[in-house]
C-alpha atoms as a PDB file:
ATOM      1  CA  MET A   1      82.818  65.892 111.761  1.00  0.00           C
ATOM      2  CA  LYS A   2      83.304  68.707 112.532  1.00  0.00           C
ATOM      3  CA  GLN A   3      83.852  70.207 113.975  1.00  0.00           C
ATOM      4  CA  PHE A   4      84.146  70.503 114.588  1.00  0.00           C
ATOM      5  CA  LEU A   5      85.397  72.116 115.650  1.00  0.00           C
ATOM      6  CA  LEU A   6      85.681  73.547 118.884  1.00  0.00           C
ATOM      7  CA  ALA A   7      87.022  76.075 120.992  1.00  0.00           C
ATOM      8  CA  ALA A   8      88.153  77.714 123.833  1.00  0.00           C
ATOM      9  CA  ALA A   9      88.458  74.967 126.260  1.00  0.00           C
ATOM     10  CA  ILE A  10      91.307  76.492 127.972  1.00  0.00           C
ATOM     11  CA  SER A  11      92.460  76.856 131.575  1.00  0.00           C
ATOM     12  CA  THR A  12      93.238  79.990 133.311  1.00  0.00           C
ATOM     13  CA  GLY A  13      96.775  79.639 132.486  1.00  0.00           C
ATOM     14  CA  ALA A  14      96.456  80.013 129.071  1.00  0.00           C
ATOM     15  CA  SER A  15      98.180  83.333 128.217  1.00  0.00           C
ATOM     16  CA  ALA A  16      98.382  86.728 130.173  1.00  0.00           C
ATOM     17  CA  ALA A  17      97.730  88.240 126.806  1.00  0.00           C
ATOM     18  CA  PHE A  18      94.021  87.727 126.796  1.00  0.00           C
ATOM     19  CA  SER A  19      91.500  89.352 128.675  1.00  0.00           C
ATOM     20  CA  ALA A  20      87.901  87.903 128.919  1.00  0.00           C
ATOM     21  CA  PRO A  21      85.950  87.581 126.901  1.00  0.00           C
ATOM     22  CA  GLU A  22      87.490  87.962 123.523  1.00  0.00           C
ATOM     23  CA  LYS A  23      86.538  86.898 120.098  1.00  0.00           C
ATOM     24  CA  PHE A  24      88.539  85.104 117.759  1.00  0.00           C
ATOM     25  CA  ALA A  25      88.067  83.880 114.145  1.00  0.00           C
ATOM     26  CA  LEU A  26      88.850  80.712 112.664  1.00  0.00           C
ATOM     27  CA  ASP A  27      91.768  80.704 110.164  1.00  0.00           C
ATOM     28  CA  SER A  28      90.508  78.332 107.788  1.00  0.00           C
ATOM     29  CA  SER A  29      93.526  78.142 105.917  1.00  0.00           C
ATOM     30  CA  HIS A  30      95.402  76.595 109.104  1.00  0.00           C
ATOM     31  CA  SER A  31      92.232  74.531 110.300  1.00  0.00           C
ATOM     32  CA  GLN A  32      91.349  71.186 109.338  1.00  0.00           C
ATOM     33  CA  VAL A  33      88.386  68.566 110.262  1.00  0.00           C
ATOM     34  CA  VAL A  34      90.017  65.159 109.305  1.00  0.00           C
ATOM     35  CA  PHE A  35      87.593  61.914 109.738  1.00  0.00           C
ATOM     36  CA  SER A  36      88.497  58.240 109.512  1.00  0.00           C
ATOM     37  CA  TYR A  37      86.391  55.072 109.406  1.00  0.00           C
ATOM     38  CA  ASN A  38      87.211  51.242 108.617  1.00  0.00           C
ATOM     39  CA  GLN A  39      86.519  50.190 105.315  1.00  0.00           C
ATOM     40  CA  LEU A  40      85.369  46.168 105.483  1.00  0.00           C
ATOM     41  CA  GLY A  41      87.842  45.246 107.725  1.00  0.00           C
ATOM     42  CA  PHE A  42      90.875  45.887 105.084  1.00  0.00           C
ATOM     43  CA  SER A  43      91.734  49.430 105.429  1.00  0.00           C
ATOM     44  CA  THR A  44      91.201  53.023 107.015  1.00  0.00           C
ATOM     45  CA  THR A  45      89.567  55.636 104.891  1.00  0.00           C
ATOM     46  CA  THR A  46      90.529  59.221 105.588  1.00  0.00           C
ATOM     47  CA  GLY A  47      88.932  62.253 104.582  1.00  0.00           C
ATOM     48  CA  MET A  48      88.725  66.176 105.512  1.00  0.00           C
ATOM     49  CA  PHE A  49      86.616  69.009 105.380  1.00  0.00           C
ATOM     50  CA  SER A  50      87.602  72.414 104.461  1.00  0.00           C
ATOM     51  CA  GLY A  51      86.379  76.113 103.910  1.00  0.00           C
ATOM     52  CA  PHE A  52      84.786  76.597 107.295  1.00  0.00           C
ATOM     53  CA  GLU A  53      84.287  79.646 109.375  1.00  0.00           C
ATOM     54  CA  GLY A  54      83.552  80.416 112.925  1.00  0.00           C
ATOM     55  CA  GLU A  55      84.177  82.047 116.062  1.00  0.00           C
ATOM     56  CA  ILE A  56      85.569  81.399 119.532  1.00  0.00           C
ATOM     57  CA  MET A  57      84.566  83.825 122.306  1.00  0.00           C
ATOM     58  CA  PHE A  58      87.339  83.025 124.746  1.00  0.00           C
ATOM     59  CA  ASP A  59      87.220  83.830 128.532  1.00  0.00           C
ATOM     60  CA  LYS A  60      90.706  83.633 129.716  1.00  0.00           C
ATOM     61  CA  SER A  61      89.585  84.571 133.411  1.00  0.00           C
ATOM     62  CA  ASP A  62      86.835  81.904 133.472  1.00  0.00           C
ATOM     63  CA  PRO A  63      87.370  79.325 130.352  1.00  0.00           C
ATOM     64  CA  ALA A  64      84.241  77.421 131.139  1.00  0.00           C
ATOM     65  CA  ASN A  65      82.509  80.743 130.067  1.00  0.00           C
ATOM     66  CA  SER A  66      83.840  80.725 126.584  1.00  0.00           C
ATOM     67  CA  SER A  67      82.050  79.397 123.803  1.00  0.00           C
ATOM     68  CA  VAL A  68      82.443  78.304 120.038  1.00  0.00           C
ATOM     69  CA  SER A  69      80.342  78.452 116.775  1.00  0.00           C
ATOM     70  CA  VAL A  70      81.611  76.613 113.595  1.00  0.00           C
ATOM     71  CA  SER A  71      80.088  76.015 109.882  1.00  0.00           C
ATOM     72  CA  MET A  72      81.332  74.286 107.063  1.00  0.00           C
ATOM     73  CA  PRO A  73      79.988  73.352 103.623  1.00  0.00           C
ATOM     74  CA  VAL A  74      79.260  69.589 103.415  1.00  0.00           C
ATOM     75  CA  MET A  75      80.437  69.732  99.584  1.00  0.00           C
ATOM     76  CA  SER A  76      83.793  70.579 100.834  1.00  0.00           C
ATOM     77  CA  MET A  77      84.532  66.915 101.788  1.00  0.00           C
ATOM     78  CA  PHE A  78      87.503  65.681 100.439  1.00  0.00           C
ATOM     79  CA  THR A  79      88.625  62.005 100.317  1.00  0.00           C
ATOM     80  CA  GLY A  80      91.176  61.797  97.548  1.00  0.00           C
ATOM     81  CA  TRP A  81      88.771  60.088  95.167  1.00  0.00           C
ATOM     82  CA  GLU A  82      86.376  61.841  93.159  1.00  0.00           C
ATOM     83  CA  SER A  83      83.827  58.771  92.976  1.00  0.00           C
ATOM     84  CA  ARG A  84      83.725  58.266  96.395  1.00  0.00           C
ATOM     85  CA  ASP A  85      83.113  62.020  97.254  1.00  0.00           C
ATOM     86  CA  ALA A  86      80.424  62.108  94.659  1.00  0.00           C
ATOM     87  CA  HIS A  87      78.819  58.830  96.336  1.00  0.00           C
ATOM     88  CA  PHE A  88      79.245  60.682  99.637  1.00  0.00           C
ATOM     89  CA  MET A  89      77.265  63.279  98.774  1.00  0.00           C
ATOM     90  CA  SER A  90      74.476  61.226  96.818  1.00  0.00           C
ATOM     91  CA  GLY A  91      71.182  59.922  98.487  1.00  0.00           C
ATOM     92  CA  ASP A  92      72.736  56.895 100.012  1.00  0.00           C
ATOM     93  CA  PHE A  93      74.638  59.558 102.235  1.00  0.00           C
ATOM     94  CA  PHE A  94      74.164  63.294 102.512  1.00  0.00           C
ATOM     95  CA  GLY A  95      71.930  63.771  99.484  1.00  0.00           C
ATOM     96  CA  ALA A  96      74.013  67.123  99.290  1.00  0.00           C
ATOM     97  CA  ALA A  97      73.072  70.356  97.558  1.00  0.00           C
ATOM     98  CA  GLU A  98      74.938  73.419  97.343  1.00  0.00           C
ATOM     99  CA  GLY A  99      74.835  75.607 100.548  1.00  0.00           C
ATOM    100  CA  ASP A 100      74.039  72.407 102.713  1.00  0.00           C
ATOM    101  CA  MET A 101      76.046  73.234 106.045  1.00  0.00           C
ATOM    102  CA  ILE A 102      77.619  71.213 108.740  1.00  0.00           C
ATOM    103  CA  THR A 103      77.082  73.109 112.196  1.00  0.00           C
ATOM    104  CA  PHE A 104      78.543  73.081 115.738  1.00  0.00           C
ATOM    105  CA  VAL A 105      77.368  75.331 118.538  1.00  0.00           C
ATOM    106  CA  SER A 106      78.893  74.636 122.125  1.00  0.00           C
ATOM    107  CA  THR A 107      76.301  74.444 124.886  1.00  0.00           C
ATOM    108  CA  GLY A 108      78.830  74.019 127.655  1.00  0.00           C
ATOM    109  CA  ILE A 109      82.840  73.746 128.457  1.00  0.00           C
ATOM    110  CA  GLU A 110      84.092  71.582 131.398  1.00  0.00           C
ATOM    111  CA  VAL A 111      87.685  72.339 132.098  1.00  0.00           C
ATOM    112  CA  THR A 112      89.774  69.043 132.691  1.00  0.00           C
ATOM    113  CA  GLY A 113      93.160  70.274 133.363  1.00  0.00           C
ATOM    114  CA  ASP A 114      95.981  73.460 132.734  1.00  0.00           C
ATOM    115  CA  ASN A 115      95.108  73.325 129.107  1.00  0.00           C
ATOM    116  CA  THR A 116      92.260  70.745 128.316  1.00  0.00           C
ATOM    117  CA  ALA A 117      88.907  70.590 128.366  1.00  0.00           C
ATOM    118  CA  ASN A 118      85.361  69.003 127.214  1.00  0.00           C
ATOM    119  CA  ILE A 119      83.739  71.176 124.851  1.00  0.00           C
ATOM    120  CA  ILE A 120      79.833  69.966 124.634  1.00  0.00           C
ATOM    121  CA  GLY A 121      77.952  71.324 121.887  1.00  0.00           C
ATOM    122  CA  ASP A 122      75.003  70.606 119.308  1.00  0.00           C
ATOM    123  CA  LEU A 123      76.565  69.283 115.896  1.00  0.00           C
ATOM    124  CA  ASN A 124      73.961  69.548 112.934  1.00  0.00           C
ATOM    125  CA  MET A 125      74.653  67.325 110.099  1.00  0.00           C
ATOM    126  CA  ASN A 126      72.344  66.056 107.628  1.00  0.00           C
ATOM    127  CA  GLY A 127      69.381  67.685 109.246  1.00  0.00           C
ATOM    128  CA  VAL A 128      69.870  65.733 112.440  1.00  0.00           C
ATOM    129  CA  THR A 129      71.245  67.595 115.727  1.00  0.00           C
ATOM    130  CA  GLN A 130      72.974  65.460 118.087  1.00  0.00           C
ATOM    131  CA  SER A 131      75.079  66.462 121.634  1.00  0.00           C
ATOM    132  CA  VAL A 132      78.760  65.773 121.050  1.00  0.00           C
ATOM    133  CA  THR A 133      81.905  65.875 123.117  1.00  0.00           C
ATOM    134  CA  LEU A 134      85.029  67.170 121.886  1.00  0.00           C
ATOM    135  CA  ALA A 135      88.028  66.537 123.915  1.00  0.00           C
ATOM    136  CA  THR A 136      90.157  69.626 123.333  1.00  0.00           C
ATOM    137  CA  THR A 137      93.784  70.778 124.121  1.00  0.00           C
ATOM    138  CA  LEU A 138      94.920  74.223 124.077  1.00  0.00           C
ATOM    139  CA  ASN A 139      98.351  73.802 122.166  1.00  0.00           C
ATOM    140  CA  ARG A 140      99.459  77.304 122.417  1.00  0.00           C
ATOM    141  CA  ALA A 141      98.037  81.012 122.966  1.00  0.00           C
ATOM    142  CA  ALA A 142     100.487  83.745 122.030  1.00  0.00           C
ATOM    143  CA  PRO A 143     101.321  86.413 119.503  1.00  0.00           C
ATOM    144  CA  TYR A 144     101.529  85.190 115.844  1.00  0.00           C
ATOM    145  CA  PRO A 145     105.181  85.416 115.044  1.00  0.00           C
ATOM    146  CA  PHE A 146     105.767  86.714 111.837  1.00  0.00           C
ATOM    147  CA  GLY A 147     103.973  87.839 108.365  1.00  0.00           C
ATOM    148  CA  PRO A 148     101.054  90.069 107.943  1.00  0.00           C
ATOM    149  CA  LYS A 149      99.399  88.589 111.236  1.00  0.00           C
ATOM    150  CA  ARG A 150     102.716  89.119 113.082  1.00  0.00           C
ATOM    151  CA  GLY A 151     101.607  90.193 116.928  1.00  0.00           C
ATOM    152  CA  THR A 152      97.613  89.008 116.543  1.00  0.00           C
ATOM    153  CA  PRO A 153      96.927  87.067 119.619  1.00  0.00           C
ATOM    154  CA  THR A 154      96.263  83.520 118.299  1.00  0.00           C
ATOM    155  CA  LEU A 155      94.872  80.372 119.522  1.00  0.00           C
ATOM    156  CA  GLY A 156      95.865  77.080 118.546  1.00  0.00           C
ATOM    157  CA  LEU A 157      93.646  73.909 119.539  1.00  0.00           C
ATOM    158  CA  ASN A 158      93.272  70.147 118.768  1.00  0.00           C
ATOM    159  CA  ALA A 159      90.195  68.083 119.608  1.00  0.00           C
ATOM    160  CA  THR A 160      88.917  64.577 118.895  1.00  0.00           C
ATOM    161  CA  THR A 161      85.600  62.856 119.278  1.00  0.00           C
ATOM    162  CA  LEU A 162      83.857  59.715 117.967  1.00  0.00           C
ATOM    163  CA  LEU A 163      80.658  60.034 115.996  1.00  0.00           C
ATOM    164  CA  LYS A 164      78.155  57.112 114.813  1.00  0.00           C
ATOM    165  CA  ARG A 165      77.131  57.710 111.355  1.00  0.00           C
ATOM    166  CA  SER A 166      73.621  56.090 111.825  1.00  0.00           C
ATOM    167  CA  ASP A 167      73.200  58.856 114.589  1.00  0.00           C
ATOM    168  CA  PHE A 168      73.011  61.445 111.682  1.00  0.00           C
ATOM    169  CA  GLY A 169      70.976  59.311 109.110  1.00  0.00           C
ATOM    170  CA  LEU A 170      74.071  58.596 107.363  1.00  0.00           C
ATOM    171  CA  GLY A 171      74.759  54.676 107.993  1.00  0.00           C
ATOM    172  CA  ALA A 172      74.671  53.221 104.724  1.00  0.00           C
ATOM    173  CA  PHE A 173      76.505  49.996 104.310  1.00  0.00           C
ATOM    174  CA  ALA A 174      76.909  49.815 108.080  1.00  0.00           C
ATOM    175  CA  PRO A 175      78.437  47.496 109.818  1.00  0.00           C
ATOM    176  CA  ALA A 176      80.646  46.435 106.897  1.00  0.00           C
ATOM    177  CA  VAL A 177      81.762  49.914 106.745  1.00  0.00           C
ATOM    178  CA  SER A 178      82.218  51.145 110.248  1.00  0.00           C
ATOM    179  CA  ASP A 179      79.510  53.142 111.874  1.00  0.00           C
ATOM    180  CA  GLU A 180      81.879  54.676 114.199  1.00  0.00           C
ATOM    181  CA  VAL A 181      83.913  57.583 112.517  1.00  0.00           C
ATOM    182  CA  GLU A 182      86.896  59.176 114.290  1.00  0.00           C
ATOM    183  CA  VAL A 183      87.295  62.756 114.056  1.00  0.00           C
ATOM    184  CA  SER A 184      90.174  64.890 114.597  1.00  0.00           C
ATOM    185  CA  ILE A 185      90.106  68.655 114.574  1.00  0.00           C
ATOM    186  CA  SER A 186      93.107  71.175 114.522  1.00  0.00           C
ATOM    187  CA  ILE A 187      92.397  74.966 114.273  1.00  0.00           C
ATOM    188  CA  GLU A 188      94.085  78.419 114.462  1.00  0.00           C
ATOM    189  CA  ALA A 189      91.943  81.169 115.595  1.00  0.00           C
ATOM    190  CA  LEU A 190      93.160  84.916 115.289  1.00  0.00           C
ATOM    191  CA  LYS A 191      91.548  87.515 117.576  1.00  0.00           C
ATOM    192  CA  ALA A 192      89.194  89.514 115.895  1.00  0.00           C
ATOM    193  CA  GLU A 193      89.576  93.124 114.739  1.00  0.00           C
END
């Protein structure tokens, strides 16, 4: 789920404005990790995480040399229904406590096109670490156009992955409630000062 997160999986055609490697901090106000799963074959339930932070080390001249690290609070999960959120935080699923985090740290990047890459990394969730691959697209690399951030070099990326809840010890009620969870990530990251 996360992270989800994501990174600098970008081709050499990204933007002449950047030189390698440069640090970009995630803008949590314009970044989301959204997940969805099948509910008993009747519907698709969606939720999201917020309040995460992280950084991208973006190497424009060698995108495969870029990296990403992200963390987000488990208890930031929001599905739109308080009872469901509370159930997810219970012992049936996360058994979450204040301060519990989900983390993603990249271990490699495979550039697949002019603005696409697979970001491989270690996702730690619910005390379990698994390698996951984020299929990532660089949407835009350009100076921010207005407001207080005007002129700041900014990256915008989307990424997707498919996770199995049971791989992270979160498989309650599977397969009636889908074990597979689709994760969509969209982030903005601004060049750090």
